């Protein structure tokens, strides 16, 4: 099963989430980026209908295949920017 990690990062004067080398839009606050990444990770878990999909691979070749709508990746959100909990 595939695994997708959403990483919270500083980006373009604000914060974003990143999957692989791809950044989301920039959010003004860390919390807004974290909320958006959490929502995206949850949506990634939702199944859908089987559909024909087309995609381009890293060499520029196009492919078409039937995608199983129930084949969803595992997801998580990593936030190395979060401040550690303060000791009382």
PDB file of N, CA and C in Angstrom:
ATOM      1  N   UNK A   1       0.845  -1.181   0.000  1.00  0.00           N
ATOM      2  CA  UNK A   1       0.000   0.000   0.000  1.00  0.00           C
ATOM      3  C   UNK A   1       0.885   1.238   0.000  1.00  0.00           C
ATOM      4  N   UNK A   2       0.507   2.218  -0.755  1.00  0.00           N
ATOM      5  CA  UNK A   2       1.255   3.475  -0.837  1.00  0.00           C
ATOM      6  C   UNK A   2       1.110   4.268   0.456  1.00  0.00           C
ATOM      7  N   UNK A   3       2.086   5.125   0.696  1.00  0.00           N
ATOM      8  CA  UNK A   3       2.065   5.980   1.880  1.00  0.00           C
ATOM      9  C   UNK A   3       2.381   7.404   1.446  1.00  0.00           C
ATOM     10  N   UNK A   4       1.577   8.368   1.909  1.00  0.00           N
ATOM     11  CA  UNK A   4       1.767   9.778   1.578  1.00  0.00           C
ATOM     12  C   UNK A   4       1.970  10.549   2.873  1.00  0.00           C
ATOM     13  N   UNK A   5       3.073  11.318   2.933  1.00  0.00           N
ATOM     14  CA  UNK A   5       3.358  12.135   4.108  1.00  0.00           C
ATOM     15  C   UNK A   5       3.246  13.604   3.731  1.00  0.00           C
ATOM     16  N   UNK A   6       2.485  14.345   4.511  1.00  0.00           N
ATOM     17  CA  UNK A   6       2.333  15.789   4.362  1.00  0.00           C
ATOM     18  C   UNK A   6       3.250  16.440   5.394  1.00  0.00           C
ATOM     19  N   UNK A   7       4.288  17.155   4.929  1.00  0.00           N
ATOM     20  CA  UNK A   7       5.247  17.805   5.821  1.00  0.00           C
ATOM     21  C   UNK A   7       4.928  19.291   5.921  1.00  0.00           C
ATOM     22  N   UNK A   8       4.881  19.815   7.145  1.00  0.00           N
ATOM     23  CA  UNK A   8       4.676  21.247   7.359  1.00  0.00           C
ATOM     24  C   UNK A   8       6.037  21.928   7.265  1.00  0.00           C
ATOM     25  N   UNK A   9       6.126  22.967   6.417  1.00  0.00           N
ATOM     26  CA  UNK A   9       7.401  23.656   6.184  1.00  0.00           C
ATOM     27  C   UNK A   9       7.182  25.168   6.099  1.00  0.00           C
ATOM     28  N   UNK A  10       8.264  25.919   6.349  1.00  0.00           N
ATOM     29  CA  UNK A  10       8.231  27.355   6.077  1.00  0.00           C
ATOM     30  C   UNK A  10       8.384  27.518   4.567  1.00  0.00           C
ATOM     31  N   UNK A  11       7.584  28.416   4.001  1.00  0.00           N
ATOM     32  CA  UNK A  11       7.604  28.558   2.539  1.00  0.00           C
ATOM     33  C   UNK A  11       7.123  29.928   2.113  1.00  0.00           C
ATOM     34  N   UNK A  12       7.913  30.595   1.307  1.00  0.00           N
ATOM     35  CA  UNK A  12       7.509  31.825   0.630  1.00  0.00           C
ATOM     36  C   UNK A  12       6.946  32.874   1.597  1.00  0.00           C
ATOM     37  N   UNK A  13       7.615  33.053   2.728  1.00  0.00           N
ATOM     38  CA  UNK A  13       7.192  34.065   3.698  1.00  0.00           C
ATOM     39  C   UNK A  13       6.080  33.619   4.623  1.00  0.00           C
ATOM     40  N   UNK A  14       5.699  32.365   4.576  1.00  0.00           N
ATOM     41  CA  UNK A  14       4.648  31.840   5.446  1.00  0.00           C
ATOM     42  C   UNK A  14       4.900  30.371   5.694  1.00  0.00           C
ATOM     43  N   UNK A  15       3.846  29.588   5.637  1.00  0.00           N
ATOM     44  CA  UNK A  15       3.932  28.147   5.880  1.00  0.00           C
ATOM     45  C   UNK A  15       3.147  27.411   4.802  1.00  0.00           C
ATOM     46  N   UNK A  16       3.548  26.180   4.551  1.00  0.00           N
ATOM     47  CA  UNK A  16       2.873  25.350   3.561  1.00  0.00           C
ATOM     48  C   UNK A  16       2.995  23.903   4.016  1.00  0.00           C
ATOM     49  N   UNK A  17       2.285  23.030   3.319  1.00  0.00           N
ATOM     50  CA  UNK A  17       2.576  21.613   3.469  1.00  0.00           C
ATOM     51  C   UNK A  17       3.177  21.137   2.159  1.00  0.00           C
ATOM     52  N   UNK A  18       3.968  20.108   2.259  1.00  0.00           N
ATOM     53  CA  UNK A  18       4.725  19.622   1.115  1.00  0.00           C
ATOM     54  C   UNK A  18       4.550  18.110   1.037  1.00  0.00           C
ATOM     55  N   UNK A  19       4.312  17.615  -0.159  1.00  0.00           N
ATOM     56  CA  UNK A  19       4.268  16.178  -0.423  1.00  0.00           C
ATOM     57  C   UNK A  19       5.349  15.912  -1.463  1.00  0.00           C
ATOM     58  N   UNK A  20       6.383  15.181  -1.052  1.00  0.00           N
ATOM     59  CA  UNK A  20       7.527  14.999  -1.951  1.00  0.00           C
ATOM     60  C   UNK A  20       8.170  16.347  -2.207  1.00  0.00           C
ATOM     61  N   UNK A  21       8.265  16.737  -3.467  1.00  0.00           N
ATOM     62  CA  UNK A  21       8.852  18.023  -3.836  1.00  0.00           C
ATOM     63  C   UNK A  21       7.807  19.067  -4.192  1.00  0.00           C
ATOM     64  N   UNK A  22       6.539  18.783  -3.921  1.00  0.00           N
ATOM     65  CA  UNK A  22       5.446  19.666  -4.322  1.00  0.00           C
ATOM     66  C   UNK A  22       4.892  20.397  -3.105  1.00  0.00           C
ATOM     67  N   UNK A  23       4.832  21.738  -3.206  1.00  0.00           N
ATOM     68  CA  UNK A  23       4.321  22.576  -2.124  1.00  0.00           C
ATOM     69  C   UNK A  23       2.852  22.924  -2.336  1.00  0.00           C
ATOM     70  N   UNK A  24       2.143  23.073  -1.244  1.00  0.00           N
ATOM     71  CA  UNK A  24       0.782  23.606  -1.300  1.00  0.00           C
ATOM     72  C   UNK A  24       0.870  25.118  -1.494  1.00  0.00           C
ATOM     73  N   UNK A  25      -0.276  25.750  -1.484  1.00  0.00           N
ATOM     74  CA  UNK A  25      -0.282  27.202  -1.431  1.00  0.00           C
ATOM     75  C   UNK A  25       0.368  27.636  -0.116  1.00  0.00           C
ATOM     76  N   UNK A  26       0.738  28.892  -0.029  1.00  0.00           N
ATOM     77  CA  UNK A  26       1.340  29.433   1.195  1.00  0.00           C
ATOM     78  C   UNK A  26       0.228  29.929   2.113  1.00  0.00           C
ATOM     79  N   UNK A  27       0.350  29.581   3.384  1.00  0.00           N
ATOM     80  CA  UNK A  27      -0.610  30.002   4.401  1.00  0.00           C
ATOM     81  C   UNK A  27       0.066  31.010   5.326  1.00  0.00           C
ATOM     82  N   UNK A  28      -0.699  31.963   5.876  1.00  0.00           N
ATOM     83  CA  UNK A  28      -0.080  33.005   6.703  1.00  0.00           C
ATOM     84  C   UNK A  28       0.409  32.508   8.064  1.00  0.00           C
ATOM     85  N   UNK A  29      -0.172  31.418   8.566  1.00  0.00           N
ATOM     86  CA  UNK A  29       0.225  30.924   9.889  1.00  0.00           C
ATOM     87  C   UNK A  29       0.554  29.440   9.838  1.00  0.00           C
ATOM     88  N   UNK A  30       1.337  29.038  10.804  1.00  0.00           N
ATOM     89  CA  UNK A  30       1.689  27.632  10.959  1.00  0.00           C
ATOM     90  C   UNK A  30       0.425  26.802  11.160  1.00  0.00           C
ATOM     91  N   UNK A  31      -0.488  27.280  12.011  1.00  0.00           N
ATOM     92  CA  UNK A  31      -1.713  26.535  12.316  1.00  0.00           C
ATOM     93  C   UNK A  31      -2.586  26.362  11.076  1.00  0.00           C
ATOM     94  N   UNK A  32      -2.659  27.382  10.235  1.00  0.00           N
ATOM     95  CA  UNK A  32      -3.462  27.276   9.010  1.00  0.00           C
ATOM     96  C   UNK A  32      -2.885  26.206   8.083  1.00  0.00           C
ATOM     97  N   UNK A  33      -1.560  26.145   7.962  1.00  0.00           N
ATOM     98  CA  UNK A  33      -0.927  25.116   7.129  1.00  0.00           C
ATOM     99  C   UNK A  33      -1.153  23.731   7.716  1.00  0.00           C
ATOM    100  N   UNK A  34      -1.035  23.604   9.033  1.00  0.00           N
ATOM    101  CA  UNK A  34      -1.273  22.325   9.701  1.00  0.00           C
ATOM    102  C   UNK A  34      -2.717  21.873   9.509  1.00  0.00           C
ATOM    103  N   UNK A  35      -3.669  22.777   9.663  1.00  0.00           N
ATOM    104  CA  UNK A  35      -5.088  22.436   9.463  1.00  0.00           C
ATOM    105  C   UNK A  35      -5.348  21.990   8.024  1.00  0.00           C
ATOM    106  N   UNK A  36      -4.745  22.693   7.056  1.00  0.00           N
ATOM    107  CA  UNK A  36      -4.942  22.339   5.648  1.00  0.00           C
ATOM    108  C   UNK A  36      -4.318  20.980   5.333  1.00  0.00           C
ATOM    109  N   UNK A  37      -3.141  20.706   5.873  1.00  0.00           N
ATOM    110  CA  UNK A  37      -2.489  19.413   5.646  1.00  0.00           C
ATOM    111  C   UNK A  37      -3.295  18.278   6.259  1.00  0.00           C
ATOM    112  N   UNK A  38      -3.821  18.494   7.446  1.00  0.00           N
ATOM    113  CA  UNK A  38      -4.634  17.477   8.109  1.00  0.00           C
ATOM    114  C   UNK A  38      -5.895  17.187   7.298  1.00  0.00           C
ATOM    115  N   UNK A  39      -6.539  18.244   6.804  1.00  0.00           N
ATOM    116  CA  UNK A  39      -7.740  18.072   5.979  1.00  0.00           C
ATOM    117  C   UNK A  39      -7.412  17.330   4.679  1.00  0.00           C
ATOM    118  N   UNK A  40      -6.290  17.692   4.037  1.00  0.00           N
ATOM    119  CA  UNK A  40      -5.895  17.030   2.788  1.00  0.00           C
ATOM    120  C   UNK A  40      -5.592  15.551   3.038  1.00  0.00           C
ATOM    121  N   UNK A  41      -4.913  15.250   4.137  1.00  0.00           N
ATOM    122  CA  UNK A  41      -4.587  13.859   4.466  1.00  0.00           C
ATOM    123  C   UNK A  41      -5.862  13.049   4.714  1.00  0.00           C
ATOM    124  N   UNK A  42      -6.839  13.661   5.367  1.00  0.00           N
ATOM    125  CA  UNK A  42      -8.106  12.973   5.612  1.00  0.00           C
ATOM    126  C   UNK A  42      -8.867  12.732   4.314  1.00  0.00           C
ATOM    127  N   UNK A  43      -8.885  13.729   3.421  1.00  0.00           N
ATOM    128  CA  UNK A  43      -9.568  13.568   2.132  1.00  0.00           C
ATOM    129  C   UNK A  43      -8.913  12.473   1.297  1.00  0.00           C
ATOM    130  N   UNK A  44      -7.612  12.326   1.419  1.00  0.00           N
ATOM    131  CA  UNK A  44      -6.880  11.317   0.661  1.00  0.00           C
ATOM    132  C   UNK A  44      -7.354   9.904   1.033  1.00  0.00           C
ATOM    133  N   UNK A  45      -7.912   9.753   2.215  1.00  0.00           N
ATOM    134  CA  UNK A  45      -8.377   8.462   2.695  1.00  0.00           C
ATOM    135  C   UNK A  45      -9.749   8.073   2.145  1.00  0.00           C
ATOM    136  N   UNK A  46     -10.478   9.039   1.587  1.00  0.00           N
ATOM    137  CA  UNK A  46     -11.833   8.773   1.108  1.00  0.00           C
ATOM    138  C   UNK A  46     -11.809   8.003  -0.207  1.00  0.00           C
ATOM    139  N   UNK A  47     -12.548   6.926  -0.242  1.00  0.00           N
ATOM    140  CA  UNK A  47     -12.661   6.154  -1.470  1.00  0.00           C
ATOM    141  C   UNK A  47     -13.593   6.838  -2.458  1.00  0.00           C
ATOM    142  N   UNK A  48     -13.559   6.382  -3.660  1.00  0.00           N
ATOM    143  CA  UNK A  48     -14.419   6.938  -4.693  1.00  0.00           C
ATOM    144  C   UNK A  48     -14.796   5.850  -5.677  1.00  0.00           C
ATOM    145  N   UNK A  49     -15.161   6.258  -6.870  1.00  0.00           N
ATOM    146  CA  UNK A  49     -15.524   5.307  -7.923  1.00  0.00           C
ATOM    147  C   UNK A  49     -14.274   4.877  -8.681  1.00  0.00           C
ATOM    148  N   UNK A  50     -14.343   3.687  -9.245  1.00  0.00           N
ATOM    149  CA  UNK A  50     -13.292   3.268 -10.175  1.00  0.00           C
ATOM    150  C   UNK A  50     -13.368   4.185 -11.393  1.00  0.00           C
ATOM    151  N   UNK A  51     -12.211   4.628 -11.884  1.00  0.00           N
ATOM    152  CA  UNK A  51     -12.188   5.536 -13.030  1.00  0.00           C
ATOM    153  C   UNK A  51     -10.968   5.288 -13.888  1.00  0.00           C
ATOM    154  N   UNK A  52     -11.078   5.639 -15.156  1.00  0.00           N
ATOM    155  CA  UNK A  52      -9.923   5.637 -16.049  1.00  0.00           C
ATOM    156  C   UNK A  52      -9.134   6.905 -15.757  1.00  0.00           C
ATOM    157  N   UNK A  53      -7.817   6.772 -15.589  1.00  0.00           N
ATOM    158  CA  UNK A  53      -6.976   7.936 -15.331  1.00  0.00           C
ATOM    159  C   UNK A  53      -5.852   7.985 -16.366  1.00  0.00           C
ATOM    160  N   UNK A  54      -5.355   9.193 -16.594  1.00  0.00           N
ATOM    161  CA  UNK A  54      -4.197   9.399 -17.456  1.00  0.00           C
ATOM    162  C   UNK A  54      -3.154  10.133 -16.636  1.00  0.00           C
ATOM    163  N   UNK A  55      -1.885   9.754 -16.832  1.00  0.00           N
ATOM    164  CA  UNK A  55      -0.809  10.456 -16.147  1.00  0.00           C
ATOM    165  C   UNK A  55       0.455  10.405 -16.980  1.00  0.00           C
ATOM    166  N   UNK A  56       1.338  11.362 -16.714  1.00  0.00           N
ATOM    167  CA  UNK A  56       2.604  11.456 -17.423  1.00  0.00           C
ATOM    168  C   UNK A  56       3.717  11.037 -16.469  1.00  0.00           C
ATOM    169  N   UNK A  57       4.590  10.127 -16.896  1.00  0.00           N
ATOM    170  CA  UNK A  57       5.675   9.682 -16.037  1.00  0.00           C
ATOM    171  C   UNK A  57       6.865  10.645 -16.128  1.00  0.00           C
ATOM    172  N   UNK A  58       7.900  10.360 -15.342  1.00  0.00           N
ATOM    173  CA  UNK A  58       9.052  11.266 -15.269  1.00  0.00           C
ATOM    174  C   UNK A  58       9.812  11.382 -16.590  1.00  0.00           C
ATOM    175  N   UNK A  59       9.605  10.449 -17.514  1.00  0.00           N
ATOM    176  CA  UNK A  59      10.268  10.502 -18.819  1.00  0.00           C
ATOM    177  C   UNK A  59       9.400  11.171 -19.879  1.00  0.00           C
ATOM    178  N   UNK A  60       8.211  11.636 -19.477  1.00  0.00           N
ATOM    179  CA  UNK A  60       7.330  12.342 -20.394  1.00  0.00           C
ATOM    180  C   UNK A  60       6.340  11.465 -21.142  1.00  0.00           C
ATOM    181  N   UNK A  61       6.359  10.155 -20.877  1.00  0.00           N
ATOM    182  CA  UNK A  61       5.423   9.248 -21.555  1.00  0.00           C
ATOM    183  C   UNK A  61       4.067   9.278 -20.841  1.00  0.00           C
ATOM    184  N   UNK A  62       3.011   9.268 -21.634  1.00  0.00           N
ATOM    185  CA  UNK A  62       1.652   9.261 -21.086  1.00  0.00           C
ATOM    186  C   UNK A  62       1.162   7.825 -20.938  1.00  0.00           C
ATOM    187  N   UNK A  63       0.397   7.599 -19.863  1.00  0.00           N
ATOM    188  CA  UNK A  63      -0.159   6.278 -19.575  1.00  0.00           C
ATOM    189  C   UNK A  63      -1.638   6.430 -19.243  1.00  0.00           C
ATOM    190  N   UNK A  64      -2.403   5.400 -19.545  1.00  0.00           N
ATOM    191  CA  UNK A  64      -3.816   5.362 -19.163  1.00  0.00           C
ATOM    192  C   UNK A  64      -4.060   4.027 -18.484  1.00  0.00           C
ATOM    193  N   UNK A  65      -4.773   4.072 -17.361  1.00  0.00           N
ATOM    194  CA  UNK A  65      -5.091   2.838 -16.647  1.00  0.00           C
ATOM    195  C   UNK A  65      -6.379   3.013 -15.858  1.00  0.00           C
ATOM    196  N   UNK A  66      -6.910   1.926 -15.410  1.00  0.00           N
ATOM    197  CA  UNK A  66      -8.116   1.934 -14.597  1.00  0.00           C
ATOM    198  C   UNK A  66      -7.700   2.020 -13.135  1.00  0.00           C
ATOM    199  N   UNK A  67      -8.176   3.023 -12.420  1.00  0.00           N
ATOM    200  CA  UNK A  67      -7.838   3.214 -11.011  1.00  0.00           C
ATOM    201  C   UNK A  67      -8.963   2.691 -10.134  1.00  0.00           C
ATOM    202  N   UNK A  68      -8.601   1.894  -9.164  1.00  0.00           N
ATOM    203  CA  UNK A  68      -9.544   1.349  -8.189  1.00  0.00           C
ATOM    204  C   UNK A  68      -9.894   2.443  -7.186  1.00  0.00           C
ATOM    205  N   UNK A  69     -11.133   2.859  -7.134  1.00  0.00           N
ATOM    206  CA  UNK A  69     -11.565   3.934  -6.242  1.00  0.00           C
ATOM    207  C   UNK A  69     -11.409   3.620  -4.770  1.00  0.00           C
ATOM    208  N   UNK A  70     -11.273   2.351  -4.409  1.00  0.00           N
ATOM    209  CA  UNK A  70     -11.097   1.981  -3.011  1.00  0.00           C
ATOM    210  C   UNK A  70      -9.648   1.815  -2.611  1.00  0.00           C
ATOM    211  N   UNK A  71      -8.725   1.949  -3.568  1.00  0.00           N
ATOM    212  CA  UNK A  71      -7.297   1.773  -3.298  1.00  0.00           C
ATOM    213  C   UNK A  71      -6.719   3.101  -2.841  1.00  0.00           C
ATOM    214  N   UNK A  72      -6.755   3.352  -1.544  1.00  0.00           N
ATOM    215  CA  UNK A  72      -6.325   4.632  -0.985  1.00  0.00           C
ATOM    216  C   UNK A  72      -5.009   4.466  -0.236  1.00  0.00           C
ATOM    217  N   UNK A  73      -4.115   5.443  -0.301  1.00  0.00           N
ATOM    218  CA  UNK A  73      -2.847   5.340   0.427  1.00  0.00           C
ATOM    219  C   UNK A  73      -3.034   5.620   1.917  1.00  0.00           C
ATOM    220  N   UNK A  74      -2.093   5.154   2.704  1.00  0.00           N
ATOM    221  CA  UNK A  74      -2.026   5.567   4.099  1.00  0.00           C
ATOM    222  C   UNK A  74      -1.458   6.981   4.099  1.00  0.00           C
ATOM    223  N   UNK A  75      -1.884   7.815   5.038  1.00  0.00           N
ATOM    224  CA  UNK A  75      -1.386   9.189   5.098  1.00  0.00           C
ATOM    225  C   UNK A  75      -0.984   9.541   6.518  1.00  0.00           C
ATOM    226  N   UNK A  76      -0.078  10.503   6.624  1.00  0.00           N
ATOM    227  CA  UNK A  76       0.218  11.106   7.916  1.00  0.00           C
ATOM    228  C   UNK A  76       0.706  12.528   7.696  1.00  0.00           C
ATOM    229  N   UNK A  77       0.729  13.295   8.778  1.00  0.00           N
ATOM    230  CA  UNK A  77       1.186  14.679   8.744  1.00  0.00           C
ATOM    231  C   UNK A  77       2.382  14.776   9.687  1.00  0.00           C
ATOM    232  N   UNK A  78       3.507  15.278   9.166  1.00  0.00           N
ATOM    233  CA  UNK A  78       4.691  15.488   9.993  1.00  0.00           C
ATOM    234  C   UNK A  78       4.895  16.983  10.165  1.00  0.00           C
ATOM    235  N   UNK A  79       5.160  17.370  11.407  1.00  0.00           N
ATOM    236  CA  UNK A  79       5.315  18.787  11.720  1.00  0.00           C
ATOM    237  C   UNK A  79       6.555  18.968  12.590  1.00  0.00           C
ATOM    238  N   UNK A  80       7.704  19.099  11.950  1.00  0.00           N
ATOM    239  CA  UNK A  80       8.946  19.317  12.693  1.00  0.00           C
ATOM    240  C   UNK A  80       9.070  20.770  13.175  1.00  0.00           C
ATOM    241  N   UNK A  81       8.153  21.638  12.741  1.00  0.00           N
ATOM    242  CA  UNK A  81       8.194  23.031  13.154  1.00  0.00           C
ATOM    243  C   UNK A  81       7.447  23.271  14.467  1.00  0.00           C
ATOM    244  N   UNK A  82       6.657  22.283  14.890  1.00  0.00           N
ATOM    245  CA  UNK A  82       5.878  22.442  16.123  1.00  0.00           C
ATOM    246  C   UNK A  82       6.820  22.628  17.298  1.00  0.00           C
ATOM    247  N   UNK A  83       6.454  23.529  18.176  1.00  0.00           N
ATOM    248  CA  UNK A  83       7.274  23.764  19.348  1.00  0.00           C
ATOM    249  C   UNK A  83       7.073  22.622  20.336  1.00  0.00           C
ATOM    250  N   UNK A  84       8.158  22.135  20.942  1.00  0.00           N
ATOM    251  CA  UNK A  84       8.004  21.059  21.925  1.00  0.00           C
ATOM    252  C   UNK A  84       7.213  21.561  23.130  1.00  0.00           C
ATOM    253  N   UNK A  85       6.476  20.650  23.743  1.00  0.00           N
ATOM    254  CA  UNK A  85       5.686  20.994  24.911  1.00  0.00           C
ATOM    255  C   UNK A  85       6.621  21.461  26.031  1.00  0.00           C
ATOM    256  N   UNK A  86       6.233  22.525  26.697  1.00  0.00           N
ATOM    257  CA  UNK A  86       7.058  23.052  27.790  1.00  0.00           C
ATOM    258  C   UNK A  86       6.819  22.234  29.047  1.00  0.00           C
ATOM    259  N   UNK A  87       7.896  22.004  29.788  1.00  0.00           N
ATOM    260  CA  UNK A  87       7.785  21.256  31.045  1.00  0.00           C
ATOM    261  C   UNK A  87       7.274  22.178  32.128  1.00  0.00           C
ATOM    262  N   UNK A  88       6.374  21.648  32.950  1.00  0.00           N
ATOM    263  CA  UNK A  88       5.800  22.456  34.031  1.00  0.00           C
ATOM    264  C   UNK A  88       6.701  22.479  35.235  1.00  0.00           C
TER     265      UNK A  88
END
